């Protein structure tokens, strides 16, 4: 399984997910990011202001 870590802003502790779909759902529902910001994370692996209120990036790790 490959883990996906989501880093939010300056928080050094990532949130860990097992699928990108789960990451994107978290960004929509919990972080309440607009669709444009969620698409940026899905396509580019990161997003930052002014598209989102703070920076978000994902890193994938093999287990």
N, C-alpha and C. Protein backbone atom coordinates (compact mmCIF):
# COMPACT_ATOMS: atom_id res chain seq x y z
N UNK A 1 0.84 -1.17 0.00
CA UNK A 1 0.00 0.00 0.00
C UNK A 1 0.89 1.24 0.00
N UNK A 2 0.50 2.22 -0.76
CA UNK A 2 1.21 3.50 -0.78
C UNK A 2 0.43 4.51 0.04
N UNK A 3 1.09 5.11 1.00
CA UNK A 3 0.45 6.13 1.82
C UNK A 3 0.58 7.48 1.16
N UNK A 4 -0.40 8.33 1.38
CA UNK A 4 -0.38 9.70 0.89
C UNK A 4 -0.45 10.61 2.10
N UNK A 5 0.56 11.43 2.29
CA UNK A 5 0.58 12.38 3.39
C UNK A 5 0.14 13.75 2.88
N UNK A 6 -0.75 14.37 3.63
CA UNK A 6 -1.23 15.71 3.31
C UNK A 6 -0.68 16.67 4.35
N UNK A 7 0.09 17.64 3.89
CA UNK A 7 0.63 18.68 4.75
C UNK A 7 -0.23 19.93 4.58
N UNK A 8 -0.68 20.48 5.71
CA UNK A 8 -1.56 21.65 5.70
C UNK A 8 -0.84 22.83 6.34
N UNK A 9 -0.59 23.85 5.56
CA UNK A 9 0.05 25.05 6.09
C UNK A 9 1.41 24.74 6.69
N UNK A 10 1.67 25.29 7.85
CA UNK A 10 2.95 25.11 8.54
C UNK A 10 2.94 23.92 9.51
N UNK A 11 1.86 23.19 9.58
CA UNK A 11 1.77 22.03 10.48
C UNK A 11 2.75 20.96 10.04
N UNK A 12 3.72 20.58 10.90
CA UNK A 12 4.72 19.59 10.50
C UNK A 12 4.19 18.15 10.54
N UNK A 13 3.00 17.95 11.09
CA UNK A 13 2.44 16.60 11.23
C UNK A 13 1.40 16.37 10.13
N UNK A 14 1.70 15.50 9.20
CA UNK A 14 0.76 15.29 8.08
C UNK A 14 -0.44 14.45 8.49
N UNK A 15 -1.48 14.60 7.72
CA UNK A 15 -2.62 13.69 7.82
C UNK A 15 -2.34 12.60 6.80
N UNK A 16 -2.54 11.34 7.16
CA UNK A 16 -2.18 10.23 6.28
C UNK A 16 -3.44 9.55 5.75
N UNK A 17 -3.40 9.30 4.43
CA UNK A 17 -4.54 8.70 3.74
C UNK A 17 -4.06 7.53 2.89
N UNK A 18 -5.00 6.65 2.55
CA UNK A 18 -4.64 5.49 1.73
C UNK A 18 -4.96 5.68 0.26
N UNK A 19 -5.82 6.66 -0.07
CA UNK A 19 -6.20 6.91 -1.47
C UNK A 19 -6.33 8.40 -1.72
N UNK A 20 -6.07 8.80 -2.94
CA UNK A 20 -6.19 10.21 -3.30
C UNK A 20 -7.64 10.68 -3.22
N UNK A 21 -8.59 9.81 -3.53
CA UNK A 21 -10.00 10.17 -3.41
C UNK A 21 -10.34 10.61 -1.99
N UNK A 22 -9.77 9.94 -1.02
CA UNK A 22 -10.01 10.26 0.39
C UNK A 22 -9.39 11.61 0.74
N UNK A 23 -8.20 11.89 0.20
CA UNK A 23 -7.56 13.18 0.41
C UNK A 23 -8.44 14.30 -0.13
N UNK A 24 -8.92 14.14 -1.35
CA UNK A 24 -9.72 15.17 -1.99
C UNK A 24 -11.04 15.39 -1.25
N UNK A 25 -11.64 14.30 -0.79
CA UNK A 25 -12.88 14.41 -0.01
C UNK A 25 -12.62 15.17 1.30
N UNK A 26 -11.50 14.87 1.96
CA UNK A 26 -11.12 15.57 3.18
C UNK A 26 -10.95 17.08 2.91
N UNK A 27 -10.29 17.42 1.83
CA UNK A 27 -10.08 18.83 1.50
C UNK A 27 -11.40 19.55 1.25
N UNK A 28 -12.34 18.87 0.61
CA UNK A 28 -13.66 19.48 0.35
C UNK A 28 -14.48 19.63 1.62
N UNK A 29 -14.56 18.55 2.39
CA UNK A 29 -15.48 18.53 3.53
C UNK A 29 -14.92 19.13 4.80
N UNK A 30 -13.68 18.82 5.14
CA UNK A 30 -13.10 19.28 6.41
C UNK A 30 -12.41 20.63 6.25
N UNK A 31 -11.57 20.75 5.24
CA UNK A 31 -10.84 22.00 5.03
C UNK A 31 -11.68 23.02 4.25
N UNK A 32 -12.77 22.55 3.62
CA UNK A 32 -13.70 23.40 2.88
C UNK A 32 -13.03 24.23 1.79
N UNK A 33 -12.17 23.54 1.04
CA UNK A 33 -11.50 24.21 -0.07
C UNK A 33 -12.43 24.33 -1.27
N UNK A 34 -12.28 25.38 -2.04
CA UNK A 34 -13.08 25.50 -3.26
C UNK A 34 -12.63 24.46 -4.29
N UNK A 35 -13.49 24.17 -5.25
CA UNK A 35 -13.19 23.16 -6.27
C UNK A 35 -11.89 23.44 -7.00
N UNK A 36 -11.60 24.71 -7.28
CA UNK A 36 -10.37 25.07 -7.97
C UNK A 36 -9.13 24.61 -7.18
N UNK A 37 -9.16 24.78 -5.88
CA UNK A 37 -8.03 24.38 -5.03
C UNK A 37 -7.91 22.86 -4.96
N UNK A 38 -9.03 22.17 -4.87
CA UNK A 38 -9.02 20.70 -4.82
C UNK A 38 -8.46 20.14 -6.13
N UNK A 39 -8.86 20.72 -7.25
CA UNK A 39 -8.33 20.28 -8.55
C UNK A 39 -6.82 20.50 -8.63
N UNK A 40 -6.33 21.60 -8.09
CA UNK A 40 -4.89 21.88 -8.10
C UNK A 40 -4.14 20.81 -7.32
N UNK A 41 -4.65 20.41 -6.17
CA UNK A 41 -4.00 19.35 -5.39
C UNK A 41 -4.04 18.04 -6.17
N UNK A 42 -5.16 17.73 -6.79
CA UNK A 42 -5.29 16.49 -7.55
C UNK A 42 -4.33 16.46 -8.74
N UNK A 43 -4.18 17.58 -9.43
CA UNK A 43 -3.38 17.62 -10.66
C UNK A 43 -1.91 17.93 -10.42
N UNK A 44 -1.62 18.81 -9.49
CA UNK A 44 -0.25 19.28 -9.30
C UNK A 44 0.38 18.83 -7.99
N UNK A 45 -0.43 18.31 -7.07
CA UNK A 45 0.09 17.84 -5.79
C UNK A 45 0.23 18.92 -4.74
N UNK A 46 -0.16 20.16 -5.09
CA UNK A 46 -0.09 21.24 -4.11
C UNK A 46 -0.94 22.41 -4.55
N UNK A 47 -1.25 23.26 -3.58
CA UNK A 47 -1.97 24.50 -3.83
C UNK A 47 -1.57 25.48 -2.74
N UNK A 48 -1.61 26.76 -3.06
CA UNK A 48 -1.22 27.78 -2.10
C UNK A 48 -2.07 29.03 -2.33
N UNK A 49 -2.00 29.99 -1.40
CA UNK A 49 -2.73 31.24 -1.61
C UNK A 49 -2.28 31.90 -2.91
N UNK A 50 -3.14 32.56 -3.60
CA UNK A 50 -4.48 32.99 -3.22
C UNK A 50 -5.59 31.99 -3.57
N UNK A 51 -5.25 30.87 -4.18
CA UNK A 51 -6.28 29.88 -4.54
C UNK A 51 -6.87 29.23 -3.29
N UNK A 52 -6.06 29.00 -2.28
CA UNK A 52 -6.50 28.44 -1.00
C UNK A 52 -6.04 29.39 0.12
N UNK A 53 -6.66 29.28 1.28
CA UNK A 53 -6.30 30.20 2.36
C UNK A 53 -4.93 29.92 2.97
N UNK A 54 -4.42 28.69 2.80
CA UNK A 54 -3.07 28.33 3.21
C UNK A 54 -2.55 27.26 2.27
N UNK A 55 -1.29 26.93 2.38
CA UNK A 55 -0.69 25.95 1.46
C UNK A 55 -1.07 24.53 1.86
N UNK A 56 -1.29 23.70 0.84
CA UNK A 56 -1.55 22.27 1.02
C UNK A 56 -0.69 21.54 0.01
N UNK A 57 -0.08 20.42 0.44
CA UNK A 57 0.68 19.61 -0.50
C UNK A 57 0.58 18.15 -0.09
N UNK A 58 0.70 17.28 -1.08
CA UNK A 58 0.66 15.85 -0.82
C UNK A 58 2.00 15.23 -1.20
N UNK A 59 2.37 14.21 -0.45
CA UNK A 59 3.56 13.40 -0.73
C UNK A 59 3.14 11.95 -0.63
N UNK A 60 3.60 11.15 -1.58
CA UNK A 60 3.28 9.71 -1.60
C UNK A 60 4.47 8.92 -1.10
N UNK A 61 4.20 7.93 -0.25
CA UNK A 61 5.25 7.10 0.31
C UNK A 61 4.93 5.63 0.13
N UNK A 62 5.86 4.85 -0.35
CA UNK A 62 5.64 3.39 -0.39
C UNK A 62 5.80 2.82 1.02
N UNK A 63 5.13 1.71 1.28
CA UNK A 63 5.28 1.06 2.59
C UNK A 63 6.05 -0.21 2.46
